[in-house]
Amino acid sequence: MANSINLETVNELIAGSVGGAAQVLVGHPLDTIKTRAQIAPSMASPLLGIAGVNSLLFAAYGASRRIISPFPQLSLKETAAAGAMAGAANAVLASPVEMFKVRMQGQYGAATDKRLRHVVGDMWRDWGFRKGIMRGYWVTVAREIPAYAGFYTAFEFSKRKFAEKYGPNLPVWCLLTSGATGGISYWLTSYPLDVVKSRIQLRAEPPKGTPVQYIAHELKAIVVEGGFAGLLRGLSPSLIRRQVRLDGSLYV
């Protein structure tokens, strides 16, 4: 039994890495548009980092499923719980990876733009681990829990509906559609916290106060600057990008 679980975990790590690499290659241009839309005043490659994040996510989701139930077929409520647990675990790596990705994407190709190693070094030197490297961790946790509960629930729901008509061996287009449905659910449940996260992680200084206080302060600032529409800034490219990701089709 232990060897079987270990093999499943290795498979999940490998699948997550492949899915993360595919995500970057296909979706990075749209992700850059999304980030710049969120952080612009008026409106090193993340390949390894995102591959690592997806690897952790897939392994955490697989482990969460086994913790919640010994049976392979979970109810949708159990699937949501497993997704939420995986999201919370995933935030440990997703927070610093996305923070540096956001800061790299916030550069506009000027001669003064910094390389990734310099961005990392500056954050470590100026702010240390908690306020520098892990800046935005708690808002990432708050985003990832509902986001992955929504993603995996929508993905499984769609897959099961297709299975009722086409049987257990689903065509590829059914898997891709299920993944796209999960991706849309991911973003609809993660906004506006994704906007808050991007803004906090790009700030010159770390946020002040408790996580609840600085998240509330940022939400208020977004509304003051751009109205309630500002809370959804960058959502359109996010929805398009998620539909071309391969997360759902790989995790079968």
C-alpha atoms as a PDB file:
ATOM      1  CA  MET A   1       0.000   0.000   0.000  1.00  0.00           C
ATOM      2  CA  ALA A   2       2.797   2.440   0.904  1.00  0.00           C
ATOM      3  CA  ASN A   3       4.610   1.746  -2.359  1.00  0.00           C
ATOM      4  CA  SER A   4       1.361   2.288  -4.274  1.00  0.00           C
ATOM      5  CA  ILE A   5       0.782   5.675  -2.601  1.00  0.00           C
ATOM      6  CA  ASN A   6       4.381   6.719  -3.207  1.00  0.00           C
ATOM      7  CA  LEU A   7       4.079   5.798  -6.892  1.00  0.00           C
ATOM      8  CA  GLU A   8       0.862   7.807  -7.163  1.00  0.00           C
ATOM      9  CA  THR A   9       2.583  10.810  -5.601  1.00  0.00           C
ATOM     10  CA  VAL A  10       5.513  10.549  -8.028  1.00  0.00           C
ATOM     11  CA  ASN A  11       3.097  10.328 -10.956  1.00  0.00           C
ATOM     12  CA  GLU A  12       1.233  13.395  -9.675  1.00  0.00           C
ATOM     13  CA  LEU A  13       4.479  15.353  -9.317  1.00  0.00           C
ATOM     14  CA  ILE A  14       5.549  14.463 -12.853  1.00  0.00           C
ATOM     15  CA  ALA A  15       2.110  15.240 -14.307  1.00  0.00           C
ATOM     16  CA  GLY A  16       2.070  18.556 -12.485  1.00  0.00           C
ATOM     17  CA  SER A  17       5.479  19.508 -13.842  1.00  0.00           C
ATOM     18  CA  VAL A  18       4.465  18.700 -17.406  1.00  0.00           C
ATOM     19  CA  GLY A  19       1.186  20.559 -16.979  1.00  0.00           C
ATOM     20  CA  GLY A  20       2.976  23.575 -15.531  1.00  0.00           C
ATOM     21  CA  ALA A  21       5.413  23.727 -18.425  1.00  0.00           C
ATOM     22  CA  ALA A  22       2.553  23.496 -20.928  1.00  0.00           C
ATOM     23  CA  GLN A  23       0.677  26.203 -19.040  1.00  0.00           C
ATOM     24  CA  VAL A  24       3.566  28.646 -19.339  1.00  0.00           C
ATOM     25  CA  LEU A  25       4.262  27.935 -23.007  1.00  0.00           C
ATOM     26  CA  VAL A  26       0.628  28.396 -23.993  1.00  0.00           C
ATOM     27  CA  GLY A  27      -0.717  30.923 -21.527  1.00  0.00           C
ATOM     28  CA  HIS A  28       2.160  33.210 -20.537  1.00  0.00           C
ATOM     29  CA  PRO A  29       1.435  36.008 -23.071  1.00  0.00           C
ATOM     30  CA  LEU A  30      -2.144  36.309 -21.838  1.00  0.00           C
ATOM     31  CA  ASP A  31      -0.966  36.081 -18.242  1.00  0.00           C
ATOM     32  CA  THR A  32       1.358  39.033 -18.855  1.00  0.00           C
ATOM     33  CA  ILE A  33      -1.551  41.029 -20.287  1.00  0.00           C
ATOM     34  CA  LYS A  34      -3.641  40.142 -17.248  1.00  0.00           C
ATOM     35  CA  THR A  35      -0.951  41.173 -14.789  1.00  0.00           C
ATOM     36  CA  ARG A  36      -0.213  44.454 -16.515  1.00  0.00           C
ATOM     37  CA  ALA A  37      -3.915  45.253 -16.637  1.00  0.00           C
ATOM     38  CA  GLN A  38      -4.075  44.770 -12.875  1.00  0.00           C
ATOM     39  CA  ILE A  39      -1.010  46.802 -11.944  1.00  0.00           C
ATOM     40  CA  ALA A  40      -0.740  49.518 -14.596  1.00  0.00           C
ATOM     41  CA  PRO A  41      -1.590  53.024 -13.298  1.00  0.00           C
ATOM     42  CA  SER A  42      -4.291  53.477 -15.914  1.00  0.00           C
ATOM     43  CA  MET A  43      -5.709  50.353 -16.551  1.00  0.00           C
ATOM     44  CA  ALA A  44      13.697  35.110 -16.156  1.00  0.00           C
ATOM     45  CA  SER A  45      11.062  32.976 -17.490  1.00  0.00           C
ATOM     46  CA  PRO A  46       8.536  31.461 -15.077  1.00  0.00           C
ATOM     47  CA  LEU A  47       8.792  28.000 -16.653  1.00  0.00           C
ATOM     48  CA  LEU A  48      10.562  26.228 -13.779  1.00  0.00           C
ATOM     49  CA  GLY A  49       8.624  28.046 -11.096  1.00  0.00           C
ATOM     50  CA  ILE A  50       5.180  27.327 -12.521  1.00  0.00           C
ATOM     51  CA  ALA A  51       6.147  23.715 -13.237  1.00  0.00           C
ATOM     52  CA  GLY A  52       7.097  23.367  -9.574  1.00  0.00           C
ATOM     53  CA  VAL A  53       3.860  25.008  -8.428  1.00  0.00           C
ATOM     54  CA  ASN A  54       1.739  22.663 -10.537  1.00  0.00           C
ATOM     55  CA  SER A  55       3.767  19.698  -9.372  1.00  0.00           C
ATOM     56  CA  LEU A  56       3.049  20.586  -5.742  1.00  0.00           C
ATOM     57  CA  LEU A  57      -0.607  21.248  -6.526  1.00  0.00           C
ATOM     58  CA  PHE A  58      -1.193  17.884  -8.207  1.00  0.00           C
ATOM     59  CA  ALA A  59       0.596  16.008  -5.419  1.00  0.00           C
ATOM     60  CA  ALA A  60      -1.299  17.945  -2.718  1.00  0.00           C
ATOM     61  CA  TYR A  61      -4.625  17.286  -4.437  1.00  0.00           C
ATOM     62  CA  GLY A  62      -3.897  13.585  -4.742  1.00  0.00           C
ATOM     63  CA  ALA A  63      -2.868  13.406  -1.077  1.00  0.00           C
ATOM     64  CA  SER A  64      -5.928  15.416  -0.028  1.00  0.00           C
ATOM     65  CA  ARG A  65      -8.223  13.034  -1.881  1.00  0.00           C
ATOM     66  CA  ARG A  66      -6.677  10.072  -0.071  1.00  0.00           C
ATOM     67  CA  ILE A  67      -6.995  11.826   3.299  1.00  0.00           C
ATOM     68  CA  ILE A  68     -10.662  12.640   2.760  1.00  0.00           C
ATOM     69  CA  SER A  69     -11.745   9.229   1.473  1.00  0.00           C
ATOM     70  CA  PRO A  70     -10.165   5.834   0.756  1.00  0.00           C
ATOM     71  CA  PHE A  71     -12.466   5.475  -2.247  1.00  0.00           C
ATOM     72  CA  PRO A  72     -11.405   6.785  -5.670  1.00  0.00           C
ATOM     73  CA  GLN A  73     -14.779   8.388  -6.473  1.00  0.00           C
ATOM     74  CA  LEU A  74     -15.354  11.408  -4.239  1.00  0.00           C
ATOM     75  CA  SER A  75     -18.594  13.319  -3.962  1.00  0.00           C
ATOM     76  CA  LEU A  76     -18.541  16.867  -5.312  1.00  0.00           C
ATOM     77  CA  LYS A  77     -18.458  18.222  -1.751  1.00  0.00           C
ATOM     78  CA  GLU A  78     -15.470  16.009  -0.976  1.00  0.00           C
ATOM     79  CA  THR A  79     -13.835  17.095  -4.232  1.00  0.00           C
ATOM     80  CA  ALA A  80     -14.286  20.743  -3.231  1.00  0.00           C
ATOM     81  CA  ALA A  81     -12.729  20.032   0.173  1.00  0.00           C
ATOM     82  CA  ALA A  82      -9.767  18.262  -1.427  1.00  0.00           C
ATOM     83  CA  GLY A  83      -9.298  21.156  -3.849  1.00  0.00           C
ATOM     84  CA  ALA A  84      -9.404  23.663  -1.006  1.00  0.00           C
ATOM     85  CA  MET A  85      -6.786  21.698   0.947  1.00  0.00           C
ATOM     86  CA  ALA A  86      -4.581  21.444  -2.129  1.00  0.00           C
ATOM     87  CA  GLY A  87      -4.930  25.172  -2.734  1.00  0.00           C
ATOM     88  CA  ALA A  88      -3.850  25.999   0.808  1.00  0.00           C
ATOM     89  CA  ALA A  89      -0.785  23.766   0.475  1.00  0.00           C
ATOM     90  CA  ASN A  90      -0.026  25.108  -2.989  1.00  0.00           C
ATOM     91  CA  ALA A  91       0.127  28.703  -1.708  1.00  0.00           C
ATOM     92  CA  VAL A  92       3.437  27.977   0.022  1.00  0.00           C
ATOM     93  CA  LEU A  93       5.184  27.794  -3.347  1.00  0.00           C
ATOM     94  CA  ALA A  94       2.699  29.734  -5.475  1.00  0.00           C
ATOM     95  CA  SER A  95       3.110  32.899  -3.404  1.00  0.00           C
ATOM     96  CA  PRO A  96       6.844  33.543  -4.015  1.00  0.00           C
ATOM     97  CA  VAL A  97       6.747  32.237  -7.593  1.00  0.00           C
ATOM     98  CA  GLU A  98       3.866  34.518  -8.516  1.00  0.00           C
ATOM     99  CA  MET A  99       5.352  37.440  -6.633  1.00  0.00           C
ATOM    100  CA  PHE A 100       8.524  37.339  -8.724  1.00  0.00           C
ATOM    101  CA  LYS A 101       6.517  36.648 -11.887  1.00  0.00           C
ATOM    102  CA  VAL A 102       4.379  39.719 -11.221  1.00  0.00           C
ATOM    103  CA  ARG A 103       7.423  41.888 -10.586  1.00  0.00           C
ATOM    104  CA  MET A 104       9.088  40.674 -13.781  1.00  0.00           C
ATOM    105  CA  GLN A 105       5.908  41.200 -15.810  1.00  0.00           C
ATOM    106  CA  GLY A 106       5.552  44.693 -14.360  1.00  0.00           C
ATOM    107  CA  GLN A 107       8.662  45.730 -16.306  1.00  0.00           C
ATOM    108  CA  TYR A 108       8.072  47.174 -19.744  1.00  0.00           C
ATOM    109  CA  GLY A 109      11.273  46.433 -21.632  1.00  0.00           C
ATOM    110  CA  ALA A 110      13.284  49.460 -20.545  1.00  0.00           C
ATOM    111  CA  ALA A 111      17.069  49.419 -20.411  1.00  0.00           C
ATOM    112  CA  THR A 112      16.825  49.561 -16.618  1.00  0.00           C
ATOM    113  CA  ASP A 113      14.743  46.381 -16.359  1.00  0.00           C
ATOM    114  CA  LYS A 114      16.185  43.868 -13.908  1.00  0.00           C
ATOM    115  CA  ARG A 115      16.907  40.194 -14.412  1.00  0.00           C
ATOM    116  CA  LEU A 116      15.153  37.699 -12.197  1.00  0.00           C
ATOM    117  CA  ARG A 117      18.208  37.035 -10.024  1.00  0.00           C
ATOM    118  CA  HIS A 118      18.495  40.759  -9.298  1.00  0.00           C
ATOM    119  CA  VAL A 119      14.811  41.038  -8.409  1.00  0.00           C
ATOM    120  CA  VAL A 120      15.135  38.098  -6.019  1.00  0.00           C
ATOM    121  CA  GLY A 121      18.330  39.496  -4.517  1.00  0.00           C
ATOM    122  CA  ASP A 122      16.837  42.945  -4.002  1.00  0.00           C
ATOM    123  CA  MET A 123      13.756  41.593  -2.247  1.00  0.00           C
ATOM    124  CA  TRP A 124      15.855  39.408   0.032  1.00  0.00           C
ATOM    125  CA  ARG A 125      18.305  42.192   0.857  1.00  0.00           C
ATOM    126  CA  ASP A 126      15.694  44.877   1.466  1.00  0.00           C
ATOM    127  CA  TRP A 127      12.903  42.951   3.156  1.00  0.00           C
ATOM    128  CA  GLY A 128      14.078  39.463   4.072  1.00  0.00           C
ATOM    129  CA  PHE A 129      12.057  36.275   3.837  1.00  0.00           C
ATOM    130  CA  ARG A 130       8.636  37.079   5.323  1.00  0.00           C
ATOM    131  CA  LYS A 131       8.132  40.602   3.966  1.00  0.00           C
ATOM    132  CA  GLY A 132      10.175  40.095   0.819  1.00  0.00           C
ATOM    133  CA  ILE A 133      10.260  36.580  -0.594  1.00  0.00           C
ATOM    134  CA  MET A 134       6.880  35.585   0.870  1.00  0.00           C
ATOM    135  CA  ARG A 135       5.124  38.921   0.349  1.00  0.00           C
ATOM    136  CA  GLY A 136       1.465  38.354  -0.398  1.00  0.00           C
ATOM    137  CA  TYR A 137       1.392  34.864   1.116  1.00  0.00           C
ATOM    138  CA  TRP A 138      -1.831  35.258   3.079  1.00  0.00           C
ATOM    139  CA  VAL A 139      -3.768  36.817   0.233  1.00  0.00           C
ATOM    140  CA  THR A 140      -2.491  33.966  -1.966  1.00  0.00           C
ATOM    141  CA  VAL A 141      -3.863  31.468   0.576  1.00  0.00           C
ATOM    142  CA  ALA A 142      -7.189  33.322   0.611  1.00  0.00           C
ATOM    143  CA  ARG A 143      -7.277  33.173  -3.186  1.00  0.00           C
ATOM    144  CA  GLU A 144      -6.129  29.569  -3.671  1.00  0.00           C
ATOM    145  CA  ILE A 145      -8.587  27.913  -1.266  1.00  0.00           C
ATOM    146  CA  PRO A 146     -11.820  28.904  -3.079  1.00  0.00           C
ATOM    147  CA  ALA A 147     -10.103  28.929  -6.470  1.00  0.00           C
ATOM    148  CA  TYR A 148      -9.066  25.283  -6.429  1.00  0.00           C
ATOM    149  CA  ALA A 149     -12.212  24.177  -4.646  1.00  0.00           C
ATOM    150  CA  GLY A 150     -14.043  25.735  -7.592  1.00  0.00           C
ATOM    151  CA  PHE A 151     -11.652  24.398 -10.220  1.00  0.00           C
ATOM    152  CA  TYR A 152     -11.721  20.749  -9.212  1.00  0.00           C
ATOM    153  CA  THR A 153     -15.452  20.733  -8.446  1.00  0.00           C
ATOM    154  CA  ALA A 154     -16.357  22.217 -11.837  1.00  0.00           C
ATOM    155  CA  PHE A 155     -13.891  19.926 -13.597  1.00  0.00           C
ATOM    156  CA  GLU A 156     -15.275  16.772 -11.952  1.00  0.00           C
ATOM    157  CA  PHE A 157     -18.877  17.874 -12.415  1.00  0.00           C
ATOM    158  CA  SER A 158     -18.353  18.449 -16.137  1.00  0.00           C
ATOM    159  CA  LYS A 159     -16.473  15.177 -16.547  1.00  0.00           C
ATOM    160  CA  ARG A 160     -19.232  13.216 -14.847  1.00  0.00           C
ATOM    161  CA  LYS A 161     -21.919  14.834 -16.969  1.00  0.00           C
ATOM    162  CA  PHE A 162     -20.005  13.890 -20.103  1.00  0.00           C
ATOM    163  CA  ALA A 163     -19.507  10.351 -18.760  1.00  0.00           C
ATOM    164  CA  GLU A 164     -23.271   9.932 -18.426  1.00  0.00           C
ATOM    165  CA  LYS A 165     -23.561  10.354 -22.195  1.00  0.00           C
ATOM    166  CA  TYR A 166     -20.271   9.033 -23.558  1.00  0.00           C
ATOM    167  CA  GLY A 167     -19.233   6.463 -20.960  1.00  0.00           C
ATOM    168  CA  PRO A 168     -16.047   6.298 -18.850  1.00  0.00           C
ATOM    169  CA  ASN A 169     -13.609   6.580 -21.788  1.00  0.00           C
ATOM    170  CA  LEU A 170     -14.213  10.215 -22.626  1.00  0.00           C
ATOM    171  CA  PRO A 171     -13.098  11.796 -25.905  1.00  0.00           C
ATOM    172  CA  VAL A 172     -10.275  14.306 -25.645  1.00  0.00           C
ATOM    173  CA  TRP A 173     -12.603  17.204 -26.413  1.00  0.00           C
ATOM    174  CA  CYS A 174     -14.710  16.295 -23.360  1.00  0.00           C
ATOM    175  CA  LEU A 175     -11.625  16.407 -21.129  1.00  0.00           C
ATOM    176  CA  LEU A 176     -10.521  19.704 -22.623  1.00  0.00           C
ATOM    177  CA  THR A 177     -13.986  21.170 -22.160  1.00  0.00           C
ATOM    178  CA  SER A 178     -14.072  19.969 -18.561  1.00  0.00           C
ATOM    179  CA  GLY A 179     -10.677  21.555 -17.954  1.00  0.00           C
ATOM    180  CA  ALA A 180     -11.881  24.816 -19.480  1.00  0.00           C
ATOM    181  CA  THR A 181     -14.974  24.735 -17.276  1.00  0.00           C
ATOM    182  CA  GLY A 182     -12.776  24.229 -14.237  1.00  0.00           C
ATOM    183  CA  GLY A 183     -10.522  27.069 -15.341  1.00  0.00           C
ATOM    184  CA  ILE A 184     -13.420  29.487 -15.690  1.00  0.00           C
ATOM    185  CA  SER A 185     -14.632  28.488 -12.233  1.00  0.00           C
ATOM    186  CA  TYR A 186     -11.104  29.030 -10.875  1.00  0.00           C
ATOM    187  CA  TRP A 187     -11.022  32.657 -11.973  1.00  0.00           C
ATOM    188  CA  LEU A 188     -14.614  33.468 -11.084  1.00  0.00           C
ATOM    189  CA  THR A 189     -13.942  32.304  -7.512  1.00  0.00           C
ATOM    190  CA  SER A 190     -10.494  33.910  -7.218  1.00  0.00           C
ATOM    191  CA  TYR A 191     -11.497  37.456  -8.160  1.00  0.00           C
ATOM    192  CA  PRO A 192     -11.059  40.121  -6.832  1.00  0.00           C
ATOM    193  CA  LEU A 193      -8.388  38.589  -4.572  1.00  0.00           C
ATOM    194  CA  ASP A 194      -6.133  37.990  -7.577  1.00  0.00           C
ATOM    195  CA  VAL A 195      -6.136  41.737  -8.277  1.00  0.00           C
ATOM    196  CA  VAL A 196      -5.327  42.454  -4.638  1.00  0.00           C
ATOM    197  CA  LYS A 197      -2.489  39.934  -4.681  1.00  0.00           C
ATOM    198  CA  SER A 198      -0.874  41.412  -7.785  1.00  0.00           C
ATOM    199  CA  ARG A 199      -0.994  44.942  -6.380  1.00  0.00           C
ATOM    200  CA  ILE A 200       0.379  43.946  -2.983  1.00  0.00           C
ATOM    201  CA  GLN A 201       3.204  41.929  -4.485  1.00  0.00           C
ATOM    202  CA  LEU A 202       4.247  44.752  -6.797  1.00  0.00           C
ATOM    203  CA  ARG A 203       4.319  47.471  -4.144  1.00  0.00           C
ATOM    204  CA  ALA A 204       7.672  49.055  -3.326  1.00  0.00           C
ATOM    205  CA  GLU A 205       7.018  48.361   0.370  1.00  0.00           C
ATOM    206  CA  PRO A 206       5.280  45.465   2.130  1.00  0.00           C
ATOM    207  CA  PRO A 207       1.689  45.933   3.329  1.00  0.00           C
ATOM    208  CA  LYS A 208       1.048  47.099   6.863  1.00  0.00           C
ATOM    209  CA  GLY A 209      -1.333  45.658   9.421  1.00  0.00           C
ATOM    210  CA  THR A 210      -2.939  42.239   9.608  1.00  0.00           C
ATOM    211  CA  PRO A 211      -3.812  40.335   6.417  1.00  0.00           C
ATOM    212  CA  VAL A 212      -7.490  41.199   6.876  1.00  0.00           C
ATOM    213  CA  GLN A 213      -6.640  44.866   7.300  1.00  0.00           C
ATOM    214  CA  TYR A 214      -4.368  45.225   4.287  1.00  0.00           C
ATOM    215  CA  ILE A 215      -6.631  43.159   2.045  1.00  0.00           C
ATOM    216  CA  ALA A 216      -9.598  45.345   3.014  1.00  0.00           C
ATOM    217  CA  HIS A 217      -7.495  48.489   2.501  1.00  0.00           C
ATOM    218  CA  GLU A 218      -6.439  47.335  -0.969  1.00  0.00           C
ATOM    219  CA  LEU A 219     -10.001  46.480  -1.980  1.00  0.00           C
ATOM    220  CA  LYS A 220     -11.108  49.959  -0.934  1.00  0.00           C
ATOM    221  CA  ALA A 221      -8.225  51.540  -2.863  1.00  0.00           C
ATOM    222  CA  ILE A 222      -9.128  49.598  -6.007  1.00  0.00           C
ATOM    223  CA  VAL A 223     -12.733  50.808  -5.872  1.00  0.00           C
ATOM    224  CA  VAL A 224     -11.657  54.400  -5.234  1.00  0.00           C
ATOM    225  CA  GLU A 225      -9.245  54.340  -8.184  1.00  0.00           C
ATOM    226  CA  GLY A 226     -11.328  52.527 -10.786  1.00  0.00           C
ATOM    227  CA  GLY A 227     -14.793  51.909  -9.378  1.00  0.00           C
ATOM    228  CA  PHE A 228     -16.199  48.441  -8.819  1.00  0.00           C
ATOM    229  CA  ALA A 229     -15.086  47.485 -12.326  1.00  0.00           C
ATOM    230  CA  GLY A 230     -11.519  47.706 -11.028  1.00  0.00           C
ATOM    231  CA  LEU A 231     -12.158  44.623  -8.911  1.00  0.00           C
ATOM    232  CA  LEU A 232     -12.440  42.586 -12.122  1.00  0.00           C
ATOM    233  CA  ARG A 233      -9.460  44.115 -13.911  1.00  0.00           C
ATOM    234  CA  GLY A 234      -7.636  41.487 -15.970  1.00  0.00           C
ATOM    235  CA  LEU A 235     -10.451  38.939 -15.740  1.00  0.00           C
ATOM    236  CA  SER A 236     -11.050  38.596 -19.500  1.00  0.00           C
ATOM    237  CA  PRO A 237      -7.505  37.500 -20.445  1.00  0.00           C
ATOM    238  CA  SER A 238      -7.504  35.271 -17.359  1.00  0.00           C
ATOM    239  CA  LEU A 239     -10.610  33.424 -18.550  1.00  0.00           C
ATOM    240  CA  ILE A 240      -9.192  33.010 -22.050  1.00  0.00           C
ATOM    241  CA  ARG A 241      -5.832  31.819 -20.712  1.00  0.00           C
ATOM    242  CA  ARG A 242      -7.388  29.213 -18.436  1.00  0.00           C
ATOM    243  CA  GLN A 243      -9.320  27.694 -21.297  1.00  0.00           C
ATOM    244  CA  VAL A 244      -6.110  26.937 -23.192  1.00  0.00           C
ATOM    245  CA  ARG A 245      -4.349  25.378 -20.233  1.00  0.00           C
ATOM    246  CA  LEU A 246      -3.962  21.632 -20.062  1.00  0.00           C
ATOM    247  CA  ASP A 247      -4.431  21.137 -16.312  1.00  0.00           C
ATOM    248  CA  GLY A 248      -7.754  19.346 -16.577  1.00  0.00           C
ATOM    249  CA  SER A 249      -6.874  17.076 -19.461  1.00  0.00           C
ATOM    250  CA  LEU A 250      -3.613  16.013 -17.856  1.00  0.00           C
ATOM    251  CA  TYR A 251      -5.129  15.213 -14.484  1.00  0.00           C
ATOM    252  CA  VAL A 252      -7.228  12.217 -15.415  1.00  0.00           C
END
